[in-house]
Protein backbone atom coordinates (compact mmCIF):
# COMPACT_ATOMS: atom_id res chain seq x y z
CA MET A 1 -0.10 -0.07 0.01
CA ARG A 2 1.25 3.51 -0.78
CA LYS A 3 2.19 5.75 2.07
CA LYS A 4 0.21 8.73 2.38
CA LYS A 5 1.93 12.08 1.64
CA LEU A 6 2.44 14.03 4.71
CA PHE A 7 3.38 17.73 4.46
CA ILE A 8 4.59 19.22 7.81
CA ILE A 9 4.61 23.12 7.68
CA THR A 10 6.07 25.66 10.20
CA THR A 11 6.86 29.37 9.47
CA ILE A 12 10.47 28.89 10.25
CA PRO A 13 12.53 25.78 10.53
CA LEU A 14 13.47 26.45 14.23
CA SER A 15 9.96 25.43 15.01
CA LEU A 16 10.87 21.85 13.45
CA ILE A 17 12.25 21.22 17.06
CA PHE A 18 8.59 20.29 17.93
CA PHE A 19 9.24 16.91 15.95
CA LYS A 20 12.62 16.21 17.13
CA GLY A 21 12.70 12.26 16.98
CA GLN A 22 9.24 12.06 16.20
CA LEU A 23 9.99 12.45 12.41
CA ALA A 24 11.60 9.15 12.50
CA LEU A 25 8.39 7.53 13.63
CA LEU A 26 6.29 9.59 11.22
CA LYS A 27 8.74 8.64 8.33
CA GLU A 28 7.99 4.94 8.84
CA GLU A 29 4.12 5.42 8.34
CA PHE A 30 3.95 8.53 6.00
CA ASP A 31 5.97 9.89 3.04
CA VAL A 32 6.98 12.89 4.84
CA THR A 33 8.04 16.40 3.47
CA LEU A 34 9.08 19.50 5.57
CA ILE A 35 8.11 22.60 4.40
CA SER A 36 9.33 25.97 5.83
CA SER A 37 11.43 29.11 5.22
CA PRO A 38 14.53 28.28 3.30
CA GLU A 39 17.22 28.40 5.97
CA ASP A 40 20.06 25.87 6.85
CA ARG A 41 18.06 24.12 9.65
CA LEU A 42 15.27 23.02 7.31
CA TYR A 43 17.81 21.27 4.89
CA GLN A 44 19.79 20.05 7.90
CA THR A 45 16.82 18.56 9.63
CA ALA A 46 15.53 16.94 6.31
CA LYS A 47 18.93 15.36 5.71
CA GLN A 48 19.15 14.14 9.53
CA TYR A 49 15.73 12.18 8.95
CA ASN A 50 15.95 11.45 5.27
CA VAL A 51 13.10 13.15 4.38
CA ALA A 52 11.95 15.61 1.58
CA CYS A 53 11.87 19.22 2.15
CA LYS A 54 10.84 22.32 0.28
CA GLY A 55 11.99 25.93 1.21
CA ILE A 56 9.27 28.65 0.92
CA VAL A 57 9.84 32.09 2.45
CA MET A 58 7.20 32.91 5.16
CA LYS A 59 7.45 35.87 7.40
CA ARG A 60 6.50 35.59 11.06
CA GLU A 61 4.99 39.17 10.98
CA ILE A 62 2.07 40.39 9.11
CA ALA A 63 3.38 41.35 5.61
CA LEU A 64 0.63 41.33 3.05
CA VAL A 65 2.60 41.19 -0.34
CA ASN A 66 5.05 38.46 1.12
CA ASP A 67 2.11 36.37 2.63
CA PHE A 68 0.41 36.52 -0.76
CA LEU A 69 3.61 35.46 -2.56
CA SER A 70 4.13 32.49 0.08
CA LEU A 71 0.61 31.60 -0.49
CA LEU A 72 0.85 31.35 -4.26
CA ARG A 73 3.88 29.06 -3.78
CA LEU A 74 2.35 26.81 -1.44
CA ILE A 75 -0.54 26.34 -3.75
CA GLY A 76 1.87 25.58 -6.56
CA TYR A 77 3.74 23.11 -4.64
CA PHE A 78 0.56 21.30 -3.43
CA ILE A 79 -0.81 21.10 -7.06
CA MET A 80 2.43 19.46 -8.05
CA LYS A 81 3.06 17.06 -5.31
CA ARG A 82 -0.69 16.44 -4.31
CA PRO A 83 -0.29 15.63 -0.74
CA ASP A 84 -2.72 13.57 1.19
CA ILE A 85 -2.33 15.28 4.48
CA VAL A 86 -1.39 18.87 5.40
CA HIS A 87 -0.19 19.47 8.83
CA GLY A 88 0.07 23.24 9.75
CA ASN A 89 1.98 24.63 12.69
CA THR A 90 2.74 28.04 13.85
CA PRO A 91 0.31 30.87 13.35
CA LYS A 92 1.52 32.11 9.85
CA GLY A 93 2.53 28.71 8.48
CA SER A 94 -0.97 27.17 9.58
CA PHE A 95 -2.91 30.26 8.22
CA LEU A 96 -1.08 30.02 4.82
CA SER A 97 -0.88 26.20 4.75
CA MET A 98 -4.73 25.84 5.48
CA ILE A 99 -5.74 28.23 2.70
CA ALA A 100 -3.50 26.70 0.35
CA ALA A 101 -4.68 22.96 1.16
CA TRP A 102 -8.31 24.07 1.23
CA ILE A 103 -7.90 25.48 -2.24
CA CYS A 104 -6.16 22.33 -3.56
CA ARG A 105 -8.75 20.17 -2.07
CA VAL A 106 -6.25 18.37 0.08
CA PRO A 107 -8.33 15.67 1.79
CA THR A 108 -6.91 15.93 5.37
CA ARG A 109 -5.86 19.36 6.61
CA ILE A 110 -4.70 19.38 10.20
CA TYR A 111 -4.17 22.42 12.23
CA TYR A 112 -2.23 21.96 15.31
CA VAL A 113 -2.55 24.74 17.60
CA HIS A 114 0.70 25.39 19.73
CA GLY A 115 -0.49 28.59 21.27
CA LEU A 116 -2.48 31.57 20.63
CA ARG A 117 -0.73 34.54 19.31
CA TYR A 118 -3.56 37.04 19.98
CA GLN A 119 -3.15 36.52 23.72
CA GLY A 120 -1.61 39.70 25.10
CA VAL A 121 -2.35 41.79 22.13
CA ALA A 122 -4.93 44.63 22.09
CA GLY A 123 -6.86 46.64 19.43
CA PHE A 124 -7.09 45.86 15.68
CA LYS A 125 -3.97 43.51 15.71
CA ARG A 126 -5.81 41.30 18.32
CA LYS A 127 -8.94 41.23 15.99
CA LEU A 128 -6.80 40.35 13.16
CA LEU A 129 -4.86 37.60 14.73
CA MET A 130 -8.19 36.06 16.07
CA ALA A 131 -9.55 36.12 12.62
CA MET A 132 -6.67 34.37 11.36
CA GLU A 133 -7.18 31.67 13.83
CA ARG A 134 -10.76 31.30 12.94
CA VAL A 135 -9.80 30.91 9.17
CA SER A 136 -7.29 28.28 9.91
CA CYS A 137 -9.79 26.33 12.20
CA LYS A 138 -12.62 26.77 9.59
CA LEU A 139 -10.35 25.32 6.55
CA ALA A 140 -9.03 22.55 8.63
CA THR A 141 -10.68 19.00 8.68
CA SER A 142 -9.18 18.31 12.19
CA VAL A 143 -7.98 20.84 14.83
CA TYR A 144 -5.70 19.59 17.54
CA ALA A 145 -4.40 21.83 20.65
CA VAL A 146 -1.43 21.27 22.37
CA SER A 147 -2.87 21.77 25.88
CA HIS A 148 -6.05 21.63 27.77
CA GLY A 149 -5.61 25.34 28.47
CA VAL A 150 -5.05 26.09 24.75
CA LYS A 151 -8.49 24.24 24.08
CA GLU A 152 -10.30 26.05 26.76
CA VAL A 153 -9.43 29.46 25.76
CA MET A 154 -10.34 28.92 21.82
CA GLN A 155 -13.74 27.62 23.12
CA ASP A 156 -14.10 30.64 25.35
CA ASP A 157 -13.10 32.87 22.59
CA LYS A 158 -15.36 31.17 20.16
CA ILE A 159 -12.48 30.37 17.80
CA THR A 160 -14.23 27.44 16.53
CA LYS A 161 -17.16 25.11 16.76
CA LYS A 162 -15.30 22.08 15.69
CA GLU A 163 -14.16 19.39 18.14
CA ILE A 164 -10.76 20.41 19.37
CA GLN A 165 -8.54 17.27 20.11
CA ILE A 166 -5.95 16.73 22.59
CA ILE A 167 -3.57 13.72 22.32
CA TRP A 168 -3.03 11.95 25.68
CA ASN A 169 -2.39 14.62 28.21
CA GLY A 170 -1.17 17.41 25.72
CA SER A 171 2.18 18.51 24.33
CA ILE A 172 3.31 18.17 20.62
CA ASN A 173 6.46 15.80 21.37
CA GLY A 174 6.47 14.81 24.93
CA ILE A 175 9.61 14.38 26.77
CA ASP A 176 12.62 12.30 26.27
CA GLY A 177 13.52 10.83 29.53
CA VAL A 178 16.37 8.87 28.26
CA PHE A 179 17.92 12.12 26.50
CA PHE A 180 16.85 14.51 29.36
CA ASN A 181 18.54 12.74 32.33
CA SER A 182 20.77 14.52 34.74
CA GLN A 183 22.53 11.19 35.57
CA ILE A 184 23.99 10.91 32.35
CA VAL A 185 25.19 14.52 31.99
CA ASP A 186 28.24 16.09 33.36
CA SER A 187 28.35 19.77 33.86
CA ASN A 188 31.53 20.13 35.85
CA ASN A 189 33.51 21.61 33.00
CA PHE A 190 30.93 24.14 32.19
CA LYS A 191 30.83 25.31 35.67
CA LYS A 192 34.57 26.03 35.56
CA GLN A 193 34.27 27.59 32.45
CA TYR A 194 31.68 30.05 33.50
CA GLY A 195 32.92 30.70 37.06
CA ILE A 196 30.19 29.01 38.87
CA ALA A 197 31.18 28.04 42.56
CA GLU A 198 29.98 25.13 44.59
CA ASP A 199 27.98 27.29 46.85
CA ASP A 200 26.51 29.42 44.14
CA PHE A 201 22.62 29.35 43.90
CA VAL A 202 21.79 29.08 40.10
CA PHE A 203 18.93 30.40 38.54
CA GLY A 204 18.14 29.64 34.84
CA PHE A 205 16.03 30.51 31.90
CA ILE A 206 16.24 28.71 28.36
CA GLY A 207 14.05 30.13 25.52
CA ARG A 208 13.87 33.16 23.32
CA VAL A 209 15.26 36.11 25.12
CA VAL A 210 12.46 38.44 24.47
CA LYS A 211 9.92 40.59 26.22
CA ASP A 212 7.04 38.10 25.68
CA LYS A 213 9.14 35.47 27.93
CA GLY A 214 8.99 37.82 30.91
CA ILE A 215 12.87 38.61 30.63
CA ASN A 216 12.47 42.11 31.70
CA GLU A 217 10.89 41.05 34.74
CA LEU A 218 13.20 38.23 35.16
CA VAL A 219 16.53 40.28 34.79
CA SER A 220 15.07 43.22 37.11
CA ALA A 221 14.06 40.75 39.71
CA PHE A 222 17.54 39.03 39.71
CA LYS A 223 19.41 42.34 39.61
CA THR A 224 17.89 43.26 43.09
CA ILE A 225 18.90 39.83 44.30
CA SER A 226 22.30 39.96 43.15
CA ASN A 227 22.75 43.45 44.66
CA ASP A 228 22.22 41.88 47.91
CA TYR A 229 23.89 38.51 47.68
CA ASN A 230 27.08 37.44 45.93
CA ASN A 231 26.51 33.76 45.70
CA VAL A 232 23.83 33.85 43.16
CA LYS A 233 24.06 33.38 39.17
CA LEU A 234 21.49 33.52 36.18
CA ILE A 235 22.04 31.53 33.33
CA ILE A 236 20.21 32.82 30.05
CA ALA A 237 20.35 30.46 27.33
CA GLY A 238 18.90 31.82 23.86
CA ASN A 239 18.81 34.34 21.30
CA PHE A 240 17.63 37.88 21.19
CA GLU A 241 15.20 39.09 18.71
CA GLU A 242 15.54 42.63 17.91
CA THR A 243 12.90 43.25 15.63
CA LEU A 244 9.74 41.39 16.70
CA ASP A 245 9.93 41.57 20.43
CA PRO A 246 13.08 43.39 21.82
CA LEU A 247 13.83 43.77 25.43
CA LEU A 248 14.17 47.16 27.16
CA PRO A 249 17.42 48.81 26.43
CA GLU A 250 18.34 48.97 30.16
CA ILE A 251 17.56 45.28 30.55
CA LYS A 252 19.67 44.18 27.71
CA ASN A 253 22.50 46.47 29.17
CA GLU A 254 22.16 44.50 32.37
CA ILE A 255 22.28 41.25 30.90
CA HIS A 256 25.77 42.40 29.53
CA ALA A 257 26.94 44.20 32.35
CA ASN A 258 25.99 42.22 35.30
CA PRO A 259 29.04 39.58 36.06
CA ASN A 260 26.48 37.14 37.69
CA ILE A 261 24.36 36.95 34.53
CA ILE A 262 25.71 34.20 32.33
CA LEU A 263 24.54 34.63 28.68
CA VAL A 264 25.38 31.57 26.81
CA GLY A 265 23.23 32.39 23.59
CA PHE A 266 21.52 29.56 21.67
CA GLN A 267 22.75 25.92 22.55
CA MET A 268 22.30 22.59 20.61
CA ASP A 269 22.58 20.75 23.75
CA ILE A 270 21.02 22.36 26.84
CA ARG A 271 21.41 19.63 29.17
CA PRO A 272 24.55 20.68 30.81
CA PHE A 273 22.95 24.05 31.58
CA TYR A 274 19.67 22.68 33.11
CA LYS A 275 22.27 20.47 35.18
CA MET A 276 23.94 23.73 36.57
CA MET A 277 20.63 25.14 37.72
CA ASP A 278 19.00 25.01 41.16
CA LEU A 279 15.73 26.53 39.72
CA PHE A 280 14.22 27.27 36.26
CA VAL A 281 12.71 30.46 36.05
CA PHE A 282 10.01 30.83 33.12
CA PRO A 283 7.83 34.11 33.72
CA SER A 284 6.41 33.90 30.29
CA TYR A 285 3.33 36.05 29.25
CA ARG A 286 1.83 33.42 27.01
CA GLU A 287 2.35 29.85 26.08
CA GLY A 288 0.60 26.94 24.43
CA PHE A 289 2.88 24.36 26.28
CA GLY A 290 6.02 24.90 28.07
CA ILE A 291 8.48 22.58 26.63
CA SER A 292 11.44 23.98 28.52
CA LEU A 293 9.45 23.40 31.78
CA MET A 294 9.19 19.62 30.85
CA GLU A 295 12.78 19.50 29.98
CA ALA A 296 13.88 21.19 33.21
CA ALA A 297 11.57 18.78 35.15
CA ALA A 298 13.14 15.62 33.57
CA MET A 299 16.61 17.01 34.37
CA ASN A 300 15.26 17.22 38.14
CA VAL A 301 15.10 20.87 38.29
CA PRO A 302 11.87 22.57 39.65
CA SER A 303 10.59 25.98 38.33
CA ILE A 304 8.88 29.15 39.08
CA SER A 305 6.49 29.43 36.11
CA SER A 306 3.86 32.01 35.08
CA ASP A 307 0.30 30.56 36.19
CA ILE A 308 -0.78 30.62 32.34
CA ILE A 309 -2.30 27.94 29.84
CA GLY A 310 0.06 25.18 29.38
CA CYS A 311 2.44 26.02 32.04
CA ASN A 312 -0.04 25.16 34.65
CA GLU A 313 -0.58 21.84 33.22
CA ILE A 314 3.01 21.07 34.14
CA ILE A 315 3.69 22.75 37.32
CA ILE A 316 1.75 21.58 40.28
CA ASP A 317 2.12 24.65 42.74
CA GLY A 318 4.17 23.89 45.64
CA ILE A 319 5.04 20.26 44.44
CA ASN A 320 7.37 20.59 41.66
CA GLY A 321 7.50 24.28 41.41
CA PHE A 322 5.77 27.70 42.04
CA LEU A 323 3.06 29.31 39.93
CA ILE A 324 2.96 33.14 39.96
CA PRO A 325 1.09 35.87 38.07
CA SER A 326 2.88 36.71 34.82
CA LYS A 327 3.93 40.31 34.39
CA ASN A 328 4.42 40.93 38.31
CA GLU A 329 8.17 41.51 39.01
CA LYS A 330 7.41 41.96 42.74
CA ILE A 331 5.97 38.66 43.17
CA LEU A 332 8.71 36.99 40.91
CA TYR A 333 11.46 38.64 43.05
CA GLU A 334 9.72 37.47 46.29
CA THR A 335 9.44 33.75 44.83
CA MET A 336 13.06 33.75 43.70
CA LEU A 337 14.30 35.14 46.91
CA TYR A 338 12.14 32.73 49.02
CA CYS A 339 13.80 29.65 46.97
CA PHE A 340 17.36 31.16 47.31
CA GLN A 341 16.74 31.38 51.06
CA ASN A 342 15.18 28.13 51.47
CA LYS A 343 17.29 25.53 49.50
CA ASN A 344 15.95 22.65 51.34
CA ILE A 345 12.51 23.12 50.04
CA VAL A 346 13.82 23.54 46.60
CA GLU A 347 15.99 20.16 46.92
CA LYS A 348 12.94 18.40 48.02
CA MET A 349 10.96 19.28 45.03
CA ALA A 350 13.75 18.58 42.86
CA SER A 351 13.38 14.96 44.08
CA THR A 352 9.95 14.61 42.76
CA THR A 353 9.87 16.72 39.31
CA ARG A 354 11.20 13.83 37.18
CA SER A 355 8.78 11.22 38.19
CA ILE A 356 5.82 13.59 37.80
CA ILE A 357 6.62 14.77 34.35
CA LEU A 358 7.28 11.39 32.91
CA SER A 359 4.22 9.81 34.06
CA LYS A 360 2.22 12.50 32.10
CA PHE A 361 4.42 13.15 29.05
CA GLU A 362 6.78 10.30 28.20
CA GLN A 363 7.66 10.74 24.71
CA LYS A 364 7.26 7.05 23.05
CA GLN A 365 3.65 6.91 24.58
CA LEU A 366 2.86 10.23 23.17
CA TRP A 367 4.39 9.19 19.84
CA ASP A 368 2.36 6.05 19.51
CA LYS A 369 -0.92 7.99 20.44
CA THR A 370 -0.07 10.54 17.84
CA ILE A 371 0.48 8.25 15.14
CA ALA A 372 -2.74 6.36 15.85
CA SER A 373 -4.67 9.68 15.96
CA TYR A 374 -3.25 10.86 12.60
CA LYS A 375 -4.01 7.71 10.96
CA GLU A 376 -7.62 7.75 12.23
CA THR A 377 -8.19 11.19 11.28
CA SER A 378 -7.04 10.70 7.78
CA ASN A 379 -8.70 7.49 7.05
CA TYR A 380 -5.23 6.03 6.65
CA TYR A 381 -6.12 2.59 5.41
CA VAL A 382 -8.93 3.99 2.97
């Protein structure tokens, strides 16, 4: 029997990290093609998994002329290749691919909602982003949400009347407990490299270094703590985004000037940085599902997280971390200080984080359920 053609679309290739490892399993069941903006990461990922790919420029921001050209290119490629399933991810990639797939009458059109971009946005832009979500859902044959929180918000905001599916307990890719295992990771050389002493208490953040992730509040809170205590460090791993969501200039200056802030940029292997942390801090404004929270938990690192959709399905307040309001620097500071001054509580939490996360989001179980769901929704055996 011919394998059905599955096209996976993301706006930028960085988002293909959602499918790390999973692509190997998808390839066994489907004829997979990756479509994203033509960057090295797209071609590297396709080569790694030995699948086809197509580079089509897509802009993350709203850009009418570029968006129209991207849509035409998608339509042309779909007409030429005739996919059976189009799997749209990320707001712009999903929006364009659902329109193109509907025009080309692709039989199965999956819109996978990783998060809701309109959250935290006001005015006309919010209305426009909500309209894009409604169009993507309207044109999809199946809508999946990455978490129960995302599903509930979509229902409350009347984004779609369709059934919104969630696979198992949520998450696009689960957590690889074999890979994210502190027992197989050595961070001693990194500690020496970055000047982290044995008695230092290490806070950490991994992700995009942008306003939307709460970095302004995190750096300000840490600055206050580091002014009073010498044995604290803050690891920040990730890239700045100067055009889409820049930090306040004084915050960026503080990151570079504060000797207790360790900026390491984007890292291919982030496990040693998790292992160096005593506490992961994730004060994001909005998420679909906090992947880095799962990674930290699997590495036995408890977290302070914003009490927002997705994140509050991973963190159980007072058990494997603390949930706090987003955009609240005062409470963030107080919670960070409390953890620093009560290391025994943090250590107790660390002993439970891994077992909790693997019981709900273990990767291979999620993959099996994902494949089964995609087969069902696409009438795989017909």
